[in-house]
Amino acid sequence: MRASRTLSLVVRLTVIGLALVAVSACDVVVSSLESKGKAEDQWTRSYPLASGELEIVNTNGSIEVTGADGSQVEVVAERIAKAATDDDAKKVLAELQIGEQVSANRVRLETKPPTGEGRRIEVKYHIKVPAGVNVRLNSQNGTLDAASLKGEFRAETGNGTIKGRDLTGLVEANTTNGTIRLEVAALASGGVRAETVNGTVELTIPSSSKADVRASCVNGSISVEGIKLDGPEASRRRVEGRLNGGGSKVVLETTNGRVRLIGK
């Protein structure tokens, strides 16, 4: 009887041991499948564009645009591809395209990623543009950043932060999941419109600006700092008023987050 019980225990331990070996083997396979290869390069271009519009359409990755002297658009795009192995990543990178549409008054660049499962790409754009050129940026995922622009600035991303500094033209910024932080050196006649669903909206303007302001949030709060608005409505979640008698429209909206309007 004891011999039978001992044999039974040995059999059970053997089965458990084999099961642990099998699980360990599975872990090795899974770990191997999760390993990632990587390949990257730089894509550079230069375009004459004294006036007009620059448009960048991206899928995954940041876009950084800075106003500069001269009449040339200078583009450096960091292209990154990831796949199961380095060789696979190199193949993906070779298939990654940036479409170019160029005319005398317009430059449009669009990231065109290759199709297929397990292929991940990221393109980070670094661009210098004549300060007076209008700029339009669009990305599915990634930060959009603009500085020292005198022309119009329009930016839209699904997931990512939108930032702007030293802007003097019309500004429109829209993101679904992300913060918007803008600083305008002068409020243009076209005004400012900034909207997000999940995130903070923050705008800094000269305190001498003439503006009609409307700010709202659903879950969050609104603060006005450094300036005084004259207007019909001011509550924790909705503010409407005129700054210095009114003028350009300023619209700031978020669903879940905070709104800040700052005078300097």
C-alpha atoms as a PDB file:
ATOM      1  CA  MET A   1       0.000   0.000   0.000  1.00  0.00           C
ATOM      2  CA  ARG A   2       2.776   2.355   0.982  1.00  0.00           C
ATOM      3  CA  ALA A   3       4.706   1.380  -2.179  1.00  0.00           C
ATOM      4  CA  SER A   4       1.632   2.213  -4.263  1.00  0.00           C
ATOM      5  CA  ARG A   5       1.243   5.612  -2.590  1.00  0.00           C
ATOM      6  CA  THR A   6       4.936   6.360  -3.073  1.00  0.00           C
ATOM      7  CA  LEU A   7       4.741   5.447  -6.764  1.00  0.00           C
ATOM      8  CA  SER A   8       1.662   7.651  -7.155  1.00  0.00           C
ATOM      9  CA  LEU A   9       3.483  10.600  -5.540  1.00  0.00           C
ATOM     10  CA  VAL A  10       6.499  10.105  -7.827  1.00  0.00           C
ATOM     11  CA  VAL A  11       4.224  10.082 -10.875  1.00  0.00           C
ATOM     12  CA  ARG A  12       2.506  13.306  -9.754  1.00  0.00           C
ATOM     13  CA  LEU A  13       5.797  15.081  -9.120  1.00  0.00           C
ATOM     14  CA  THR A  14       7.056  13.938 -12.512  1.00  0.00           C
ATOM     15  CA  VAL A  15       3.943  15.320 -14.241  1.00  0.00           C
ATOM     16  CA  ILE A  16       4.254  18.614 -12.375  1.00  0.00           C
ATOM     17  CA  GLY A  17       7.925  18.819 -13.318  1.00  0.00           C
ATOM     18  CA  LEU A  18       7.166  18.229 -16.995  1.00  0.00           C
ATOM     19  CA  ALA A  19       4.436  20.873 -16.872  1.00  0.00           C
ATOM     20  CA  LEU A  20       6.841  23.413 -15.400  1.00  0.00           C
ATOM     21  CA  VAL A  21       9.370  22.636 -18.132  1.00  0.00           C
ATOM     22  CA  ALA A  22       6.644  23.120 -20.747  1.00  0.00           C
ATOM     23  CA  VAL A  23       5.608  26.464 -19.246  1.00  0.00           C
ATOM     24  CA  SER A  24       9.232  27.546 -19.135  1.00  0.00           C
ATOM     25  CA  ALA A  25       9.646  26.598 -22.785  1.00  0.00           C
ATOM     26  CA  CYS A  26       6.541  28.584 -23.665  1.00  0.00           C
ATOM     27  CA  ASP A  27       7.949  31.603 -21.848  1.00  0.00           C
ATOM     28  CA  VAL A  28      11.094  31.380 -23.954  1.00  0.00           C
ATOM     29  CA  VAL A  29       9.045  31.287 -27.169  1.00  0.00           C
ATOM     30  CA  VAL A  30       6.862  34.226 -26.103  1.00  0.00           C
ATOM     31  CA  SER A  31       9.890  36.214 -25.015  1.00  0.00           C
ATOM     32  CA  SER A  32      11.520  35.539 -28.365  1.00  0.00           C
ATOM     33  CA  LEU A  33       8.414  36.643 -30.234  1.00  0.00           C
ATOM     34  CA  GLU A  34       8.304  39.893 -28.250  1.00  0.00           C
ATOM     35  CA  SER A  35      11.878  40.856 -29.083  1.00  0.00           C
ATOM     36  CA  LYS A  36      12.008  43.871 -31.411  1.00  0.00           C
ATOM     37  CA  GLY A  37      14.347  44.789 -34.208  1.00  0.00           C
ATOM     38  CA  LYS A  38      15.003  48.423 -35.096  1.00  0.00           C
ATOM     39  CA  ALA A  39      16.248  50.447 -38.055  1.00  0.00           C
ATOM     40  CA  GLU A  40      16.468  54.205 -38.523  1.00  0.00           C
ATOM     41  CA  ASP A  41      17.717  56.881 -40.913  1.00  0.00           C
ATOM     42  CA  GLN A  42      17.361  60.593 -41.699  1.00  0.00           C
ATOM     43  CA  TRP A  43      15.370  62.010 -44.606  1.00  0.00           C
ATOM     44  CA  THR A  44      16.280  65.578 -45.552  1.00  0.00           C
ATOM     45  CA  ARG A  45      14.818  68.054 -48.020  1.00  0.00           C
ATOM     46  CA  SER A  46      14.923  71.757 -48.832  1.00  0.00           C
ATOM     47  CA  TYR A  47      12.172  73.684 -50.649  1.00  0.00           C
ATOM     48  CA  PRO A  48      11.926  77.322 -51.794  1.00  0.00           C
ATOM     49  CA  LEU A  49       8.826  78.889 -50.185  1.00  0.00           C
ATOM     50  CA  ALA A  50       8.870  82.616 -49.524  1.00  0.00           C
ATOM     51  CA  SER A  51       5.121  82.718 -48.792  1.00  0.00           C
ATOM     52  CA  GLY A  52       2.156  80.367 -48.822  1.00  0.00           C
ATOM     53  CA  GLU A  53       1.527  77.229 -46.779  1.00  0.00           C
ATOM     54  CA  LEU A  54       3.456  74.319 -45.304  1.00  0.00           C
ATOM     55  CA  GLU A  55       1.394  71.239 -44.416  1.00  0.00           C
ATOM     56  CA  ILE A  56       2.700  68.145 -42.634  1.00  0.00           C
ATOM     57  CA  VAL A  57       0.567  64.999 -42.224  1.00  0.00           C
ATOM     58  CA  ASN A  58       2.047  62.368 -39.933  1.00  0.00           C
ATOM     59  CA  THR A  59       0.861  59.088 -38.390  1.00  0.00           C
ATOM     60  CA  ASN A  60       3.099  58.428 -35.388  1.00  0.00           C
ATOM     61  CA  GLY A  61       5.729  60.892 -34.221  1.00  0.00           C
ATOM     62  CA  SER A  62       6.337  64.484 -33.266  1.00  0.00           C
ATOM     63  CA  ILE A  63       6.427  67.518 -35.542  1.00  0.00           C
ATOM     64  CA  GLU A  64       8.542  70.526 -34.564  1.00  0.00           C
ATOM     65  CA  VAL A  65       8.367  73.709 -36.664  1.00  0.00           C
ATOM     66  CA  THR A  66      10.407  76.863 -36.057  1.00  0.00           C
ATOM     67  CA  GLY A  67      10.121  80.142 -37.918  1.00  0.00           C
ATOM     68  CA  ALA A  68      13.390  81.360 -39.411  1.00  0.00           C
ATOM     69  CA  ASP A  69      14.856  83.980 -41.737  1.00  0.00           C
ATOM     70  CA  GLY A  70      15.209  83.315 -45.436  1.00  0.00           C
ATOM     71  CA  SER A  71      12.927  81.790 -48.040  1.00  0.00           C
ATOM     72  CA  GLN A  72      13.659  78.064 -47.690  1.00  0.00           C
ATOM     73  CA  VAL A  73      11.847  75.276 -45.884  1.00  0.00           C
ATOM     74  CA  GLU A  74      14.426  72.956 -44.335  1.00  0.00           C
ATOM     75  CA  VAL A  75      13.209  69.490 -43.335  1.00  0.00           C
ATOM     76  CA  VAL A  76      14.968  66.809 -41.318  1.00  0.00           C
ATOM     77  CA  ALA A  77      12.842  63.717 -40.668  1.00  0.00           C
ATOM     78  CA  GLU A  78      14.080  61.028 -38.289  1.00  0.00           C
ATOM     79  CA  ARG A  79      12.559  57.803 -39.600  1.00  0.00           C
ATOM     80  CA  ILE A  80      12.338  54.832 -37.242  1.00  0.00           C
ATOM     81  CA  ALA A  81      11.016  51.350 -38.000  1.00  0.00           C
ATOM     82  CA  LYS A  82      10.507  48.431 -35.611  1.00  0.00           C
ATOM     83  CA  ALA A  83       9.767  44.800 -36.389  1.00  0.00           C
ATOM     84  CA  ALA A  84      10.569  41.293 -35.125  1.00  0.00           C
ATOM     85  CA  THR A  85      14.245  41.493 -36.197  1.00  0.00           C
ATOM     86  CA  ASP A  86      16.684  44.151 -37.345  1.00  0.00           C
ATOM     87  CA  ASP A  87      16.530  42.786 -40.886  1.00  0.00           C
ATOM     88  CA  ASP A  88      12.737  42.957 -40.876  1.00  0.00           C
ATOM     89  CA  ALA A  89      12.921  46.527 -39.537  1.00  0.00           C
ATOM     90  CA  LYS A  90      15.265  47.500 -42.374  1.00  0.00           C
ATOM     91  CA  LYS A  91      12.746  46.155 -44.881  1.00  0.00           C
ATOM     92  CA  VAL A  92       9.967  48.142 -43.238  1.00  0.00           C
ATOM     93  CA  LEU A  93      12.102  51.275 -43.316  1.00  0.00           C
ATOM     94  CA  ALA A  94      12.768  50.766 -47.028  1.00  0.00           C
ATOM     95  CA  GLU A  95       9.000  50.683 -47.650  1.00  0.00           C
ATOM     96  CA  LEU A  96       8.268  53.764 -45.549  1.00  0.00           C
ATOM     97  CA  GLN A  97       7.542  56.716 -47.827  1.00  0.00           C
ATOM     98  CA  ILE A  98       7.128  60.462 -47.348  1.00  0.00           C
ATOM     99  CA  GLY A  99       4.912  61.851 -50.090  1.00  0.00           C
ATOM    100  CA  GLU A 100       5.820  65.271 -51.489  1.00  0.00           C
ATOM    101  CA  GLN A 101       3.510  67.793 -53.129  1.00  0.00           C
ATOM    102  CA  VAL A 102       5.386  70.944 -54.036  1.00  0.00           C
ATOM    103  CA  SER A 103       4.312  74.095 -55.861  1.00  0.00           C
ATOM    104  CA  ALA A 104       5.385  77.723 -55.879  1.00  0.00           C
ATOM    105  CA  ASN A 105       3.273  78.610 -52.827  1.00  0.00           C
ATOM    106  CA  ARG A 106       2.660  75.281 -51.091  1.00  0.00           C
ATOM    107  CA  VAL A 107       4.622  72.365 -49.678  1.00  0.00           C
ATOM    108  CA  ARG A 108       2.787  69.289 -48.393  1.00  0.00           C
ATOM    109  CA  LEU A 109       4.532  66.269 -46.860  1.00  0.00           C
ATOM    110  CA  GLU A 110       2.677  63.116 -45.819  1.00  0.00           C
ATOM    111  CA  THR A 111       4.010  60.066 -44.009  1.00  0.00           C
ATOM    112  CA  LYS A 112       2.935  56.894 -45.834  1.00  0.00           C
ATOM    113  CA  PRO A 113       3.643  53.864 -43.614  1.00  0.00           C
ATOM    114  CA  PRO A 114       3.837  50.329 -45.028  1.00  0.00           C
ATOM    115  CA  THR A 115       0.966  47.968 -44.264  1.00  0.00           C
ATOM    116  CA  GLY A 116       1.177  44.712 -42.346  1.00  0.00           C
ATOM    117  CA  GLU A 117       0.961  43.424 -38.788  1.00  0.00           C
ATOM    118  CA  GLY A 118       3.929  43.709 -36.451  1.00  0.00           C
ATOM    119  CA  ARG A 119       5.284  46.750 -38.294  1.00  0.00           C
ATOM    120  CA  ARG A 120       5.733  49.900 -36.274  1.00  0.00           C
ATOM    121  CA  ILE A 121       6.985  53.197 -37.642  1.00  0.00           C
ATOM    122  CA  GLU A 122       7.699  56.610 -36.178  1.00  0.00           C
ATOM    123  CA  VAL A 123       8.708  59.784 -37.987  1.00  0.00           C
ATOM    124  CA  LYS A 124       9.966  62.825 -36.068  1.00  0.00           C
ATOM    125  CA  TYR A 125       9.951  65.990 -38.172  1.00  0.00           C
ATOM    126  CA  HIS A 126      12.262  68.925 -37.422  1.00  0.00           C
ATOM    127  CA  ILE A 127      11.471  71.844 -39.708  1.00  0.00           C
ATOM    128  CA  LYS A 128      12.641  75.402 -40.238  1.00  0.00           C
ATOM    129  CA  VAL A 129      10.209  77.527 -42.217  1.00  0.00           C
ATOM    130  CA  PRO A 130      10.124  81.186 -43.297  1.00  0.00           C
ATOM    131  CA  ALA A 131       8.377  82.938 -40.401  1.00  0.00           C
ATOM    132  CA  GLY A 132       5.550  84.389 -42.527  1.00  0.00           C
ATOM    133  CA  VAL A 133       4.464  81.069 -44.054  1.00  0.00           C
ATOM    134  CA  ASN A 134       1.174  79.562 -42.836  1.00  0.00           C
ATOM    135  CA  VAL A 135       1.673  76.218 -41.083  1.00  0.00           C
ATOM    136  CA  ARG A 136      -0.759  73.288 -40.842  1.00  0.00           C
ATOM    137  CA  LEU A 137       0.180  70.191 -38.813  1.00  0.00           C
ATOM    138  CA  ASN A 138      -1.741  66.935 -38.458  1.00  0.00           C
ATOM    139  CA  SER A 139      -0.743  63.740 -36.643  1.00  0.00           C
ATOM    140  CA  GLN A 140      -2.567  60.708 -35.297  1.00  0.00           C
ATOM    141  CA  ASN A 141      -0.163  60.277 -32.391  1.00  0.00           C
ATOM    142  CA  GLY A 142       2.517  62.739 -31.407  1.00  0.00           C
ATOM    143  CA  THR A 143       3.430  66.140 -30.033  1.00  0.00           C
ATOM    144  CA  LEU A 144       3.011  69.174 -32.290  1.00  0.00           C
ATOM    145  CA  ASP A 145       5.301  72.096 -31.484  1.00  0.00           C
ATOM    146  CA  ALA A 146       5.589  75.499 -33.183  1.00  0.00           C
ATOM    147  CA  ALA A 147       7.696  78.544 -32.345  1.00  0.00           C
ATOM    148  CA  SER A 148       8.332  82.026 -33.760  1.00  0.00           C
ATOM    149  CA  LEU A 149       5.657  81.933 -36.452  1.00  0.00           C
ATOM    150  CA  LYS A 150       4.088  85.085 -37.918  1.00  0.00           C
ATOM    151  CA  GLY A 151       1.669  83.306 -40.226  1.00  0.00           C
ATOM    152  CA  GLU A 152      -1.352  81.169 -39.373  1.00  0.00           C
ATOM    153  CA  PHE A 153      -0.834  78.093 -37.214  1.00  0.00           C
ATOM    154  CA  ARG A 154      -3.298  75.185 -37.343  1.00  0.00           C
ATOM    155  CA  ALA A 155      -2.586  71.941 -35.508  1.00  0.00           C
ATOM    156  CA  GLU A 156      -4.572  68.752 -34.922  1.00  0.00           C
ATOM    157  CA  THR A 157      -3.597  65.465 -33.284  1.00  0.00           C
ATOM    158  CA  GLY A 158      -5.508  62.509 -31.917  1.00  0.00           C
ATOM    159  CA  ASN A 159      -3.184  61.736 -29.037  1.00  0.00           C
ATOM    160  CA  GLY A 160      -0.542  64.252 -28.071  1.00  0.00           C
ATOM    161  CA  THR A 161       0.339  67.670 -26.741  1.00  0.00           C
ATOM    162  CA  ILE A 162       0.139  70.834 -28.837  1.00  0.00           C
ATOM    163  CA  LYS A 163       2.582  73.606 -27.967  1.00  0.00           C
ATOM    164  CA  GLY A 164       3.103  77.058 -29.455  1.00  0.00           C
ATOM    165  CA  ARG A 165       5.413  79.931 -28.515  1.00  0.00           C
ATOM    166  CA  ASP A 166       5.950  83.423 -29.895  1.00  0.00           C
ATOM    167  CA  LEU A 167       2.987  83.204 -32.300  1.00  0.00           C
ATOM    168  CA  THR A 168       1.472  86.266 -33.952  1.00  0.00           C
ATOM    169  CA  GLY A 169      -1.008  84.851 -36.491  1.00  0.00           C
ATOM    170  CA  LEU A 170      -4.342  83.067 -36.267  1.00  0.00           C
ATOM    171  CA  VAL A 171      -4.097  79.982 -34.051  1.00  0.00           C
ATOM    172  CA  GLU A 172      -6.276  76.850 -34.118  1.00  0.00           C
ATOM    173  CA  ALA A 173      -5.342  73.818 -32.005  1.00  0.00           C
ATOM    174  CA  ASN A 174      -7.319  70.625 -31.530  1.00  0.00           C
ATOM    175  CA  THR A 175      -6.439  67.368 -29.773  1.00  0.00           C
ATOM    176  CA  THR A 176      -8.465  64.509 -28.322  1.00  0.00           C
ATOM    177  CA  ASN A 177      -6.131  63.279 -25.601  1.00  0.00           C
ATOM    178  CA  GLY A 178      -3.518  65.834 -24.670  1.00  0.00           C
ATOM    179  CA  THR A 179      -2.684  69.247 -23.290  1.00  0.00           C
ATOM    180  CA  ILE A 180      -2.630  72.481 -25.295  1.00  0.00           C
ATOM    181  CA  ARG A 181      -0.205  75.212 -24.219  1.00  0.00           C
ATOM    182  CA  LEU A 182       0.001  78.356 -26.320  1.00  0.00           C
ATOM    183  CA  GLU A 183       1.794  81.678 -25.938  1.00  0.00           C
ATOM    184  CA  VAL A 184       0.989  84.415 -28.435  1.00  0.00           C
ATOM    185  CA  ALA A 185       3.218  87.459 -28.803  1.00  0.00           C
ATOM    186  CA  ALA A 186       0.322  89.368 -30.402  1.00  0.00           C
ATOM    187  CA  LEU A 187      -3.337  88.462 -30.790  1.00  0.00           C
ATOM    188  CA  ALA A 188      -4.192  88.324 -34.495  1.00  0.00           C
ATOM    189  CA  SER A 189      -7.523  89.437 -35.950  1.00  0.00           C
ATOM    190  CA  GLY A 190      -8.341  85.759 -36.572  1.00  0.00           C
ATOM    191  CA  GLY A 191      -8.001  85.087 -32.856  1.00  0.00           C
ATOM    192  CA  VAL A 192      -7.287  81.798 -31.065  1.00  0.00           C
ATOM    193  CA  ARG A 193      -9.313  78.604 -30.829  1.00  0.00           C
ATOM    194  CA  ALA A 194      -8.023  75.715 -28.697  1.00  0.00           C
ATOM    195  CA  GLU A 195      -9.996  72.557 -27.897  1.00  0.00           C
ATOM    196  CA  THR A 196      -9.240  69.227 -26.239  1.00  0.00           C
ATOM    197  CA  VAL A 197     -11.349  66.422 -24.786  1.00  0.00           C
ATOM    198  CA  ASN A 198      -8.980  65.131 -22.123  1.00  0.00           C
ATOM    199  CA  GLY A 199      -6.379  67.628 -20.982  1.00  0.00           C
ATOM    200  CA  THR A 200      -5.567  71.181 -19.953  1.00  0.00           C
ATOM    201  CA  VAL A 201      -5.937  74.188 -22.242  1.00  0.00           C
ATOM    202  CA  GLU A 202      -3.608  77.067 -21.393  1.00  0.00           C
ATOM    203  CA  LEU A 203      -3.246  80.339 -23.304  1.00  0.00           C
ATOM    204  CA  THR A 204      -0.934  83.242 -22.531  1.00  0.00           C
ATOM    205  CA  ILE A 205      -1.624  86.571 -24.284  1.00  0.00           C
ATOM    206  CA  PRO A 206      -0.426  90.163 -23.885  1.00  0.00           C
ATOM    207  CA  SER A 207      -2.557  91.899 -21.248  1.00  0.00           C
ATOM    208  CA  SER A 208      -3.118  94.774 -23.700  1.00  0.00           C
ATOM    209  CA  SER A 209      -4.946  92.498 -26.170  1.00  0.00           C
ATOM    210  CA  LYS A 210      -8.474  93.313 -27.307  1.00  0.00           C
ATOM    211  CA  ALA A 211     -10.512  90.136 -27.249  1.00  0.00           C
ATOM    212  CA  ASP A 212     -13.916  88.503 -26.860  1.00  0.00           C
ATOM    213  CA  VAL A 213     -13.290  85.472 -24.667  1.00  0.00           C
ATOM    214  CA  ARG A 214     -15.277  82.271 -24.239  1.00  0.00           C
ATOM    215  CA  ALA A 215     -13.919  79.475 -22.063  1.00  0.00           C
ATOM    216  CA  SER A 216     -15.638  76.290 -20.914  1.00  0.00           C
ATOM    217  CA  CYS A 217     -15.060  72.893 -19.361  1.00  0.00           C
ATOM    218  CA  VAL A 218     -17.321  70.037 -18.280  1.00  0.00           C
ATOM    219  CA  ASN A 219     -15.194  68.389 -15.598  1.00  0.00           C
ATOM    220  CA  GLY A 220     -12.565  70.788 -14.337  1.00  0.00           C
ATOM    221  CA  SER A 221     -12.128  74.490 -13.613  1.00  0.00           C
ATOM    222  CA  ILE A 222     -11.348  77.803 -15.311  1.00  0.00           C
ATOM    223  CA  SER A 223      -8.924  80.470 -14.114  1.00  0.00           C
ATOM    224  CA  VAL A 224      -8.195  83.941 -15.505  1.00  0.00           C
ATOM    225  CA  GLU A 225      -4.880  85.382 -14.323  1.00  0.00           C
ATOM    226  CA  GLY A 226      -3.189  88.727 -14.867  1.00  0.00           C
ATOM    227  CA  ILE A 227      -6.124  90.276 -16.774  1.00  0.00           C
ATOM    228  CA  LYS A 228      -9.683  91.362 -16.026  1.00  0.00           C
ATOM    229  CA  LEU A 229     -12.617  90.466 -18.219  1.00  0.00           C
ATOM    230  CA  ASP A 230     -15.799  92.508 -18.472  1.00  0.00           C
ATOM    231  CA  GLY A 231     -18.633  90.232 -19.350  1.00  0.00           C
ATOM    232  CA  PRO A 232     -21.940  88.607 -18.703  1.00  0.00           C
ATOM    233  CA  GLU A 233     -20.839  85.255 -17.276  1.00  0.00           C
ATOM    234  CA  ALA A 234     -18.170  83.917 -14.943  1.00  0.00           C
ATOM    235  CA  SER A 235     -18.435  80.588 -13.143  1.00  0.00           C
ATOM    236  CA  ARG A 236     -16.208  77.669 -12.280  1.00  0.00           C
ATOM    237  CA  ARG A 237     -16.928  75.943 -15.594  1.00  0.00           C
ATOM    238  CA  ARG A 238     -17.851  78.744 -17.968  1.00  0.00           C
ATOM    239  CA  VAL A 239     -16.442  82.225 -18.557  1.00  0.00           C
ATOM    240  CA  GLU A 240     -17.472  84.777 -21.170  1.00  0.00           C
ATOM    241  CA  GLY A 241     -16.252  88.330 -21.316  1.00  0.00           C
ATOM    242  CA  ARG A 242     -14.514  91.162 -23.116  1.00  0.00           C
ATOM    243  CA  LEU A 243     -10.905  92.141 -22.658  1.00  0.00           C
ATOM    244  CA  ASN A 244     -10.083  95.819 -23.188  1.00  0.00           C
ATOM    245  CA  GLY A 245     -13.392  96.464 -24.907  1.00  0.00           C
ATOM    246  CA  GLY A 246     -13.446  93.312 -27.007  1.00  0.00           C
ATOM    247  CA  GLY A 247     -11.946  92.314 -30.346  1.00  0.00           C
ATOM    248  CA  SER A 248     -10.526  89.052 -31.677  1.00  0.00           C
ATOM    249  CA  LYS A 249     -12.317  85.856 -30.677  1.00  0.00           C
ATOM    250  CA  VAL A 250     -10.618  83.624 -28.129  1.00  0.00           C
ATOM    251  CA  VAL A 251     -12.287  80.237 -27.583  1.00  0.00           C
ATOM    252  CA  LEU A 252     -10.836  77.756 -25.079  1.00  0.00           C
ATOM    253  CA  GLU A 253     -12.609  74.451 -24.411  1.00  0.00           C
ATOM    254  CA  THR A 254     -11.978  71.130 -22.686  1.00  0.00           C
ATOM    255  CA  THR A 255     -14.241  68.331 -21.525  1.00  0.00           C
ATOM    256  CA  ASN A 256     -12.055  66.844 -18.828  1.00  0.00           C
ATOM    257  CA  GLY A 257      -9.404  69.231 -17.609  1.00  0.00           C
ATOM    258  CA  ARG A 258      -8.530  72.769 -16.665  1.00  0.00           C
ATOM    259  CA  VAL A 259      -8.645  76.000 -18.661  1.00  0.00           C
ATOM    260  CA  ARG A 260      -6.170  78.790 -17.905  1.00  0.00           C
ATOM    261  CA  LEU A 261      -6.106  82.225 -19.534  1.00  0.00           C
ATOM    262  CA  ILE A 262      -3.026  84.213 -18.549  1.00  0.00           C
ATOM    263  CA  GLY A 263      -2.179  87.846 -19.268  1.00  0.00           C
ATOM    264  CA  LYS A 264       1.419  89.001 -19.367  1.00  0.00           C
END
